[in-house]
Amino acid sequence: MNRVFVLDTDKTALMPCRPSRARRLLRDGKAGVYRMQPFTIILKYRVDSNPQPVEFRVDPGSKTTGLALVGNFPQQGRVVLWAANLEHRGQSVRDRLEKRRSLRRGRRGRKTRYRAPRFLNRTRPAGWLPPSLRSRVENVSTWFNRLLDRAPLSECHIETVRFDMQKIQNPEISGVEYQQGELMGYEVREYLLEKWGRKCAYCSNKDVPLEVEHIVPRSRGGSHRVSNLTLACTPCNQKKNSKTATEFGYSQIQSKANQPLKDAAAVNATRYAVGRAIQSVGLPTSFWSGGRTKKNRISQSYGKDHWIDAACVGEIGEQVTLTEGYRALQIKATGRGTRQVARTDKYGFPRGKAGRCKRVRGFQTGDLVRLIQPKGKYGGTHTGILAGIRANGAFDIKAKARKISANWKHFKLIQRGDGYDYGLSAV
């Protein structure tokens, strides 16, 4: 379980404490709840303390980024105090922009409300990133700034990219040809593990030794290009022998292998933007390779997870203590609503109007609330996120994978929506 963030009466960040100590402080009236997620308490008295340094570590990813706070104690060594998996919404941003683009193009081709194309005289500033990539950088930056206000951070450690796009596409490239590209070390096996979900491409077995396997065997003219490589367990690899994947009965393998390397490209494009955003605060920042992270994790016999990779980043990540059964915080970026004025149908024609009021009876979509239902099928207390509000006062709450509707009078606000949804990772 994550430790609890503690603030002084003047909101100075103190060393995070154990949940048991936080419960005693709240029970004795010495502290109050400052924020539910991440759970933070604020003391009702001033404390003169010299907290131990806390390290902020990041394992950037295309879909999910691992975050970890590691404390350095004299007797215990380095211990994970708080960890989270931050799930990005980059693909959702891209899909929405593509939908808007197609609607605008279609509007110019028919006799409806016309929007002329803009003249392409706009310049892009240095370091410009597409909105789908920028959202990833802003998510990490947002949470870094939040944790900076909650814990006494002393230094930052960031894992850099693992994939060299040029070497993955053409492993035989060398010399002057390679120097014209991006000189970053590559790990084809690590890329294949990510692409094929760390399981056998044929029998889908996980947690078994996997071998790099040629879709079209070398004896049949296959190459070492990544588009001809997959992962297979030893029995499947031996059974396939010199057959192609299609002859072996898995024709879909080749189409999946030819999919673009968009996830690797997203990590490549944002790796230094994340570093610059963190460096701008002024804390000492170090960059480390993904190969070192993997070596640290395997040498300590830890399982694969983004927050565990974050805890093992860097040279000092080779000795990190994780509590058995640790459950990290799951953070999912959901956005903060929409600015679209009018809804449209699938053909792009206006369909009704957007809601005129964003907040009803002091509530809005995305707020963390508690529903006390006096009777009925869902009678009892439910805690969750507001999934929908209506002007007549009927609200929908998303609690325990189900949606419950009730009158606004039975709801109590716990925390304002901040563009993220929260949960706990599996044990």
Protein backbone atom coordinates (compact mmCIF):
# COMPACT_ATOMS: atom_id res chain seq x y z
CA MET A 1 0.00 0.00 0.00
CA ASN A 2 1.23 3.52 -0.80
CA ARG A 3 2.29 5.76 2.04
CA VAL A 4 0.22 8.80 2.93
CA PHE A 5 1.39 12.28 2.02
CA VAL A 6 1.67 14.68 4.96
CA LEU A 7 1.59 18.49 4.92
CA ASP A 8 2.50 20.87 7.71
CA THR A 9 -0.07 23.43 8.86
CA ASP A 10 1.51 25.90 6.41
CA LYS A 11 1.32 23.27 3.60
CA THR A 12 5.01 22.39 3.68
CA ALA A 13 5.63 18.86 2.41
CA LEU A 14 6.83 16.42 5.08
CA MET A 15 8.02 12.83 4.82
CA PRO A 16 5.15 10.49 3.80
CA CYS A 17 3.96 8.33 6.67
CA ARG A 18 2.48 4.84 6.94
CA PRO A 19 -1.33 4.51 6.67
CA SER A 20 -1.54 3.30 10.30
CA ARG A 21 0.10 6.49 11.56
CA ALA A 22 -2.18 8.62 9.37
CA ARG A 23 -5.24 6.87 10.86
CA ARG A 24 -4.03 7.64 14.40
CA LEU A 25 -3.48 11.31 13.56
CA LEU A 26 -6.95 11.59 12.04
CA ARG A 27 -8.56 9.69 14.95
CA ASP A 28 -6.89 11.90 17.56
CA GLY A 29 -7.91 15.09 15.77
CA LYS A 30 -4.32 16.11 15.08
CA ALA A 31 -4.78 16.13 11.30
CA GLY A 32 -7.47 16.49 8.67
CA VAL A 33 -7.96 15.11 5.18
CA TYR A 34 -6.45 17.51 2.65
CA ARG A 35 -7.08 15.46 -0.52
CA MET A 36 -8.45 12.00 -1.25
CA GLN A 37 -6.40 11.14 -4.35
CA PRO A 38 -3.52 10.92 -3.86
CA PHE A 39 -4.48 10.61 -0.19
CA THR A 40 -2.99 13.55 1.72
CA ILE A 41 -3.45 14.74 5.30
CA ILE A 42 -2.62 18.15 6.74
CA LEU A 43 -1.45 18.57 10.32
CA LYS A 44 -3.13 21.05 12.66
CA TYR A 45 0.18 22.08 14.20
CA ARG A 46 3.59 23.19 12.99
CA VAL A 47 6.44 20.67 12.78
CA ASP A 48 10.18 21.41 12.66
CA SER A 49 11.61 18.45 10.79
CA ASN A 50 14.44 17.56 8.46
CA PRO A 51 12.94 14.89 6.18
CA GLN A 52 15.07 12.33 4.37
CA PRO A 53 15.57 12.95 0.65
CA VAL A 54 12.98 11.44 -1.69
CA GLU A 55 13.84 10.47 -5.28
CA PHE A 56 11.34 10.88 -8.12
CA ARG A 57 11.67 8.20 -10.82
CA VAL A 58 9.91 7.89 -14.18
CA ASP A 59 9.57 5.07 -16.70
CA PRO A 60 8.00 6.81 -19.77
CA GLY A 61 5.71 4.76 -21.98
CA SER A 62 3.44 5.20 -24.97
CA LYS A 63 0.24 4.05 -23.25
CA THR A 64 1.29 3.91 -19.58
CA THR A 65 4.02 5.71 -17.65
CA GLY A 66 5.37 4.38 -14.36
CA LEU A 67 5.94 6.80 -11.46
CA ALA A 68 7.69 6.03 -8.20
CA LEU A 69 8.90 7.89 -5.12
CA VAL A 70 11.84 6.21 -3.39
CA GLY A 71 13.10 7.17 0.06
CA ASN A 72 16.69 6.66 1.17
CA PHE A 73 16.87 5.56 4.83
CA PRO A 74 20.10 4.92 6.81
CA GLN A 75 19.13 1.43 8.02
CA GLN A 76 16.64 0.23 5.41
CA GLY A 77 18.29 1.63 2.30
CA ARG A 78 16.12 2.65 -0.62
CA VAL A 79 12.41 1.88 -0.13
CA VAL A 80 9.46 2.58 -2.45
CA LEU A 81 7.19 5.04 -0.65
CA TRP A 82 4.61 5.70 -3.36
CA ALA A 83 4.07 4.35 -6.87
CA ALA A 84 1.53 4.73 -9.66
CA ASN A 85 0.77 3.72 -13.23
CA LEU A 86 -0.30 6.76 -15.26
CA GLU A 87 -2.45 5.74 -18.25
CA HIS A 88 -2.40 8.26 -21.11
CA ARG A 89 -5.18 9.21 -23.52
CA GLY A 90 -2.99 9.97 -26.55
CA GLN A 91 -4.91 7.65 -28.87
CA SER A 92 -8.22 9.16 -27.77
CA VAL A 93 -6.89 12.67 -28.53
CA ARG A 94 -5.73 11.54 -31.96
CA ASP A 95 -9.07 9.90 -32.77
CA ARG A 96 -11.01 13.02 -31.82
CA LEU A 97 -8.79 15.28 -33.91
CA GLU A 98 -9.16 12.92 -36.87
CA LYS A 99 -12.95 12.94 -36.47
CA ARG A 100 -13.03 16.74 -36.37
CA ARG A 101 -10.78 16.92 -39.41
CA SER A 102 -12.99 14.58 -41.44
CA LEU A 103 -16.16 16.52 -40.50
CA ARG A 104 -14.60 19.82 -41.59
CA ARG A 105 -13.42 18.37 -44.88
CA GLY A 106 -16.85 16.90 -45.54
CA ARG A 107 -18.51 20.24 -44.80
CA ARG A 108 -16.53 21.92 -47.58
CA GLY A 109 -17.80 19.38 -50.10
CA ARG A 110 -21.54 19.89 -49.62
CA LYS A 111 -23.93 22.79 -49.47
CA THR A 112 -24.16 23.21 -45.72
CA ARG A 113 -22.47 25.53 -43.24
CA TYR A 114 -19.13 26.26 -44.91
CA ARG A 115 -15.77 26.65 -43.25
CA ALA A 116 -13.01 27.73 -45.58
CA PRO A 117 -9.59 26.07 -45.18
CA ARG A 118 -7.07 28.18 -43.32
CA PHE A 119 -4.11 29.56 -45.18
CA LEU A 120 -1.01 27.59 -44.22
CA ASN A 121 1.04 30.56 -43.03
CA ARG A 122 1.42 29.38 -39.44
CA THR A 123 4.82 28.37 -38.11
CA ARG A 124 5.44 25.78 -35.46
CA PRO A 125 7.56 26.80 -32.47
CA ALA A 126 10.74 24.96 -31.58
CA GLY A 127 9.98 21.70 -29.79
CA TRP A 128 6.42 21.52 -31.13
CA LEU A 129 4.63 18.21 -30.54
CA PRO A 130 1.27 16.96 -31.88
CA PRO A 131 -1.56 17.21 -29.32
CA SER A 132 -1.63 13.42 -28.81
CA LEU A 133 2.05 13.45 -27.83
CA ARG A 134 1.85 16.71 -25.92
CA SER A 135 -0.88 15.24 -23.71
CA ARG A 136 1.57 12.53 -22.59
CA VAL A 137 4.20 15.10 -21.65
CA GLU A 138 1.66 17.28 -19.83
CA ASN A 139 0.34 14.30 -17.84
CA VAL A 140 3.81 13.50 -16.51
CA SER A 141 4.55 17.18 -15.86
CA THR A 142 1.24 17.63 -14.02
CA TRP A 143 1.89 14.72 -11.69
CA PHE A 144 5.49 15.73 -11.11
CA ASN A 145 4.32 19.16 -9.95
CA ARG A 146 1.66 17.59 -7.73
CA LEU A 147 4.14 15.27 -6.09
CA LEU A 148 6.56 18.18 -5.70
CA ASP A 149 3.94 19.84 -3.47
CA ARG A 150 3.28 16.61 -1.52
CA ALA A 151 6.75 15.22 -0.80
CA PRO A 152 10.27 16.63 -0.19
CA LEU A 153 11.75 15.67 -3.58
CA SER A 154 15.52 15.98 -3.88
CA GLU A 155 16.41 14.51 -7.29
CA CYS A 156 14.87 12.96 -10.41
CA HIS A 157 15.77 9.90 -12.47
CA ILE A 158 14.27 9.31 -15.92
CA GLU A 159 14.54 6.31 -18.21
CA THR A 160 15.25 7.25 -21.81
CA VAL A 161 14.10 5.50 -24.97
CA ARG A 162 14.74 1.79 -25.50
CA PHE A 163 14.21 1.59 -29.25
CA ASP A 164 16.42 2.73 -32.14
CA MET A 165 13.90 2.96 -34.99
CA GLN A 166 16.54 2.73 -37.73
CA LYS A 167 18.21 -0.37 -36.30
CA ILE A 168 14.87 -2.07 -35.68
CA GLN A 169 13.82 -1.55 -39.29
CA ASN A 170 17.20 -2.54 -40.70
CA PRO A 171 19.46 -4.43 -38.27
CA GLU A 172 22.18 -4.81 -40.94
CA ILE A 173 22.72 -1.05 -41.34
CA SER A 174 26.15 0.24 -40.30
CA GLY A 175 28.87 2.76 -41.02
CA VAL A 176 28.02 6.05 -42.70
CA GLU A 177 24.45 4.97 -43.37
CA TYR A 178 23.83 4.54 -39.65
CA GLN A 179 25.54 7.80 -38.75
CA GLN A 180 22.99 9.63 -40.87
CA GLY A 181 20.27 8.35 -38.53
CA GLU A 182 19.66 8.49 -34.80
CA LEU A 183 22.44 6.93 -32.73
CA MET A 184 20.55 5.24 -29.91
CA GLY A 185 21.24 1.67 -28.77
CA TYR A 186 18.53 -0.83 -29.65
CA GLU A 187 17.06 -3.94 -28.06
CA VAL A 188 15.05 -5.90 -30.62
CA ARG A 189 14.05 -8.53 -28.06
CA GLU A 190 12.69 -5.89 -25.67
CA TYR A 191 10.72 -4.33 -28.51
CA LEU A 192 9.25 -7.72 -29.46
CA LEU A 193 8.23 -8.33 -25.84
CA GLU A 194 6.31 -5.07 -25.85
CA LYS A 195 4.74 -5.63 -29.26
CA TRP A 196 3.55 -9.19 -28.66
CA GLY A 197 2.37 -8.63 -25.09
CA ARG A 198 5.10 -10.79 -23.50
CA LYS A 199 3.41 -14.03 -24.57
CA CYS A 200 3.80 -16.69 -27.23
CA ALA A 201 2.36 -15.51 -30.56
CA TYR A 202 1.00 -18.99 -31.30
CA CYS A 203 -0.36 -20.47 -28.05
CA SER A 204 -0.62 -17.19 -26.05
CA ASN A 205 1.16 -18.71 -23.03
CA LYS A 206 2.57 -16.16 -20.59
CA ASP A 207 5.22 -16.44 -17.89
CA VAL A 208 7.18 -19.02 -19.90
CA PRO A 209 10.62 -18.70 -21.55
CA LEU A 210 10.16 -17.08 -24.98
CA GLU A 211 12.40 -17.33 -28.02
CA VAL A 212 12.80 -14.90 -30.90
CA GLU A 213 11.32 -16.74 -33.88
CA HIS A 214 11.29 -16.05 -37.65
CA ILE A 215 7.82 -15.89 -39.20
CA VAL A 216 9.33 -16.93 -42.53
CA PRO A 217 12.28 -19.21 -41.61
CA ARG A 218 15.78 -18.27 -42.68
CA SER A 219 15.95 -21.54 -44.62
CA ARG A 220 12.97 -20.31 -46.69
CA GLY A 221 14.48 -16.91 -47.46
CA GLY A 222 13.33 -15.01 -44.37
CA SER A 223 15.35 -12.07 -43.06
CA HIS A 224 16.30 -10.68 -39.64
CA ARG A 225 14.09 -7.61 -40.10
CA VAL A 226 11.75 -6.93 -37.21
CA SER A 227 8.75 -7.38 -39.52
CA ASN A 228 9.78 -11.05 -39.83
CA LEU A 229 10.29 -11.67 -36.11
CA THR A 230 7.92 -12.76 -33.36
CA LEU A 231 8.06 -14.56 -30.02
CA ALA A 232 7.32 -18.24 -29.43
CA CYS A 233 7.65 -20.70 -26.58
CA THR A 234 10.04 -23.62 -27.11
CA PRO A 235 7.34 -26.27 -27.87
CA CYS A 236 5.65 -24.06 -30.50
CA ASN A 237 8.99 -23.08 -32.04
CA GLN A 238 10.02 -26.72 -32.38
CA LYS A 239 6.62 -27.78 -33.69
CA LYS A 240 6.62 -25.01 -36.32
CA ASN A 241 10.09 -26.09 -37.47
CA SER A 242 10.69 -24.83 -41.04
CA LYS A 243 7.09 -23.86 -41.80
CA THR A 244 5.96 -20.30 -42.33
CA ALA A 245 3.42 -18.86 -39.92
CA THR A 246 0.69 -19.19 -42.59
CA GLU A 247 1.54 -22.84 -43.22
CA PHE A 248 1.53 -23.40 -39.45
CA GLY A 249 -2.07 -22.13 -39.35
CA TYR A 250 -1.49 -18.56 -38.09
CA SER A 251 -1.90 -16.31 -41.11
CA GLN A 252 -2.72 -13.29 -38.90
CA ILE A 253 0.79 -13.27 -37.44
CA GLN A 254 2.32 -11.63 -40.51
CA SER A 255 -0.23 -8.80 -40.64
CA LYS A 256 0.39 -7.98 -36.97
CA ALA A 257 4.16 -8.05 -37.48
CA ASN A 258 3.81 -5.46 -40.27
CA GLN A 259 2.00 -2.98 -38.03
CA PRO A 260 3.80 0.37 -37.72
CA LEU A 261 6.08 1.09 -34.78
CA LYS A 262 3.85 3.91 -33.55
CA ASP A 263 4.29 3.16 -29.83
CA ALA A 264 8.08 3.18 -30.11
CA ALA A 265 7.90 6.38 -32.17
CA ALA A 266 5.71 8.04 -29.51
CA VAL A 267 8.23 7.23 -26.77
CA ASN A 268 11.10 8.46 -28.96
CA ALA A 269 9.35 11.75 -29.72
CA THR A 270 8.48 12.58 -26.09
CA ARG A 271 11.49 11.30 -24.14
CA TYR A 272 13.40 14.57 -24.00
CA ALA A 273 10.29 16.75 -23.74
CA VAL A 274 9.44 14.94 -20.49
CA GLY A 275 13.02 15.48 -19.29
CA ARG A 276 12.94 19.20 -20.10
CA ALA A 277 9.62 19.65 -18.28
CA ILE A 278 11.07 18.06 -15.14
CA GLN A 279 14.44 19.83 -15.41
CA SER A 280 12.71 23.21 -15.58
CA VAL A 281 11.97 22.97 -11.83
CA GLY A 282 15.69 22.99 -11.04
CA LEU A 283 16.11 19.65 -9.26
CA PRO A 284 19.15 17.47 -10.19
CA THR A 285 17.99 15.22 -13.05
CA SER A 286 19.66 12.09 -14.45
CA PHE A 287 18.84 10.07 -17.58
CA TRP A 288 19.33 6.31 -17.75
CA SER A 289 18.96 3.56 -20.34
CA GLY A 290 16.12 1.04 -20.43
CA GLY A 291 18.63 -1.80 -20.52
CA ARG A 292 19.91 -0.87 -17.06
CA THR A 293 16.34 -0.71 -15.73
CA LYS A 294 15.57 -4.21 -17.00
CA LYS A 295 18.82 -5.58 -15.57
CA ASN A 296 18.06 -4.07 -12.14
CA ARG A 297 14.53 -5.49 -12.12
CA ILE A 298 15.55 -9.00 -13.18
CA SER A 299 18.50 -9.15 -10.76
CA GLN A 300 16.10 -8.40 -7.87
CA SER A 301 13.52 -10.96 -9.13
CA TYR A 302 10.72 -8.38 -9.43
CA GLY A 303 7.78 -8.86 -11.79
CA LYS A 304 7.12 -6.73 -14.85
CA ASP A 305 5.10 -3.59 -14.24
CA HIS A 306 5.53 0.05 -15.21
CA TRP A 307 5.80 1.34 -11.64
CA ILE A 308 8.32 -1.40 -10.78
CA ASP A 309 10.42 -0.36 -13.79
CA ALA A 310 10.24 3.23 -12.53
CA ALA A 311 11.50 2.15 -9.10
CA CYS A 312 14.44 0.31 -10.74
CA VAL A 313 15.55 3.18 -12.99
CA GLY A 314 19.23 4.13 -12.89
CA GLU A 315 22.39 2.89 -11.27
CA ILE A 316 20.94 3.31 -7.78
CA GLY A 317 17.92 1.22 -8.79
CA GLU A 318 19.80 -2.04 -8.36
CA GLN A 319 18.93 -2.16 -4.63
CA VAL A 320 15.32 -1.11 -4.03
CA THR A 321 12.96 -2.64 -1.47
CA LEU A 322 9.36 -3.40 -2.49
CA THR A 323 6.81 -4.53 0.08
CA GLU A 324 5.27 -7.90 -0.76
CA GLY A 325 1.74 -7.50 -2.12
CA TYR A 326 2.31 -3.81 -2.87
CA ARG A 327 -0.61 -2.20 -4.71
CA ALA A 328 0.22 0.89 -6.74
CA LEU A 329 -2.22 3.66 -7.60
CA GLN A 330 -3.80 3.37 -11.07
CA ILE A 331 -4.27 6.80 -12.64
CA LYS A 332 -6.20 7.15 -15.90
CA ALA A 333 -6.27 10.43 -17.81
CA THR A 334 -9.89 11.21 -18.74
CA GLY A 335 -9.75 14.84 -19.87
CA ARG A 336 -11.77 17.77 -18.59
CA GLY A 337 -14.87 17.74 -20.77
CA THR A 338 -15.34 19.12 -24.28
CA ARG A 339 -15.42 22.54 -25.92
CA GLN A 340 -17.57 21.39 -28.84
CA VAL A 341 -20.45 23.85 -29.30
CA ALA A 342 -22.87 21.58 -31.18
CA ARG A 343 -23.14 17.81 -31.33
CA THR A 344 -23.17 16.19 -34.76
CA ASP A 345 -24.42 12.91 -36.15
CA LYS A 346 -22.18 10.49 -38.07
CA TYR A 347 -22.64 12.54 -41.25
CA GLY A 348 -21.52 15.80 -39.66
CA PHE A 349 -24.94 17.50 -39.44
CA PRO A 350 -25.76 19.39 -36.21
CA ARG A 351 -27.68 17.30 -33.67
CA GLY A 352 -28.93 19.30 -30.73
CA LYS A 353 -26.77 21.61 -28.65
CA ALA A 354 -24.08 21.16 -26.05
CA GLY A 355 -25.08 21.55 -22.43
CA ARG A 356 -25.44 25.18 -21.43
CA CYS A 357 -24.40 24.70 -17.81
CA LYS A 358 -21.33 22.74 -16.79
CA ARG A 359 -22.28 22.48 -13.12
CA VAL A 360 -25.65 21.51 -11.61
CA ARG A 361 -26.41 21.93 -7.90
CA GLY A 362 -22.69 22.33 -7.24
CA PHE A 363 -21.73 19.09 -9.02
CA GLN A 364 -20.16 18.39 -12.39
CA THR A 365 -19.11 15.34 -14.38
CA GLY A 366 -15.90 13.79 -13.09
CA ASP A 367 -16.36 14.75 -9.42
CA LEU A 368 -15.60 12.11 -6.79
CA VAL A 369 -18.81 11.75 -4.77
CA ARG A 370 -20.50 9.56 -2.17
CA LEU A 371 -24.07 8.40 -2.78
CA ILE A 372 -26.20 7.50 0.23
CA GLN A 373 -29.20 5.73 -1.30
CA PRO A 374 -31.90 5.33 1.38
CA LYS A 375 -33.82 2.46 -0.28
CA GLY A 376 -34.37 0.51 -3.46
CA LYS A 377 -32.32 -1.99 -5.42
CA TYR A 378 -29.08 -0.07 -4.83
CA GLY A 379 -29.81 1.00 -1.27
CA GLY A 380 -26.69 1.74 0.76
CA THR A 381 -23.54 3.83 0.40
CA HIS A 382 -21.66 4.02 -2.91
CA THR A 383 -18.49 5.96 -3.73
CA GLY A 384 -17.41 6.75 -7.29
CA ILE A 385 -17.14 9.22 -10.13
CA LEU A 386 -20.07 11.24 -11.48
CA ALA A 387 -20.63 9.87 -14.98
CA GLY A 388 -23.42 12.26 -15.95
CA ILE A 389 -25.49 15.15 -14.63
CA ARG A 390 -28.86 16.52 -15.76
CA ALA A 391 -30.50 19.87 -15.22
CA ASN A 392 -33.46 18.19 -13.48
CA GLY A 393 -31.12 16.96 -10.72
CA ALA A 394 -30.84 13.30 -11.74
CA PHE A 395 -27.19 12.21 -11.56
CA ASP A 396 -25.37 9.05 -12.64
CA ILE A 397 -22.53 7.65 -10.53
CA LYS A 398 -20.01 5.05 -11.75
CA ALA A 399 -19.28 2.79 -8.79
CA LYS A 400 -17.85 -0.75 -8.84
CA ALA A 401 -18.17 -1.19 -12.62
CA ARG A 402 -21.87 -0.26 -12.65
CA LYS A 403 -23.85 2.92 -13.17
CA ILE A 404 -26.42 4.06 -10.60
CA SER A 405 -28.90 6.91 -11.05
CA ALA A 406 -30.21 8.94 -8.11
CA ASN A 407 -31.40 12.39 -7.10
CA TRP A 408 -28.78 15.03 -6.38
CA LYS A 409 -29.95 15.38 -2.76
CA HIS A 410 -28.44 11.98 -1.92
CA PHE A 411 -24.94 12.90 -3.17
CA LYS A 412 -22.07 14.33 -1.14
CA LEU A 413 -19.01 15.88 -2.82
CA ILE A 414 -15.69 14.32 -1.79
CA GLN A 415 -13.26 15.80 -4.33
CA ARG A 416 -13.55 17.98 -7.42
CA GLY A 417 -12.81 16.30 -10.74
CA ASP A 418 -9.23 16.90 -11.87
CA GLY A 419 -9.20 15.13 -15.23
CA TYR A 420 -8.11 11.75 -13.86
CA ASP A 421 -9.76 8.55 -12.67
CA TYR A 422 -8.26 6.49 -9.86
CA GLY A 423 -8.07 2.87 -8.76
CA LEU A 424 -5.66 0.30 -7.30
CA SER A 425 -3.52 -2.18 -9.19
CA ALA A 426 -4.04 -5.91 -8.77
CA VAL A 427 -1.92 -7.71 -6.18
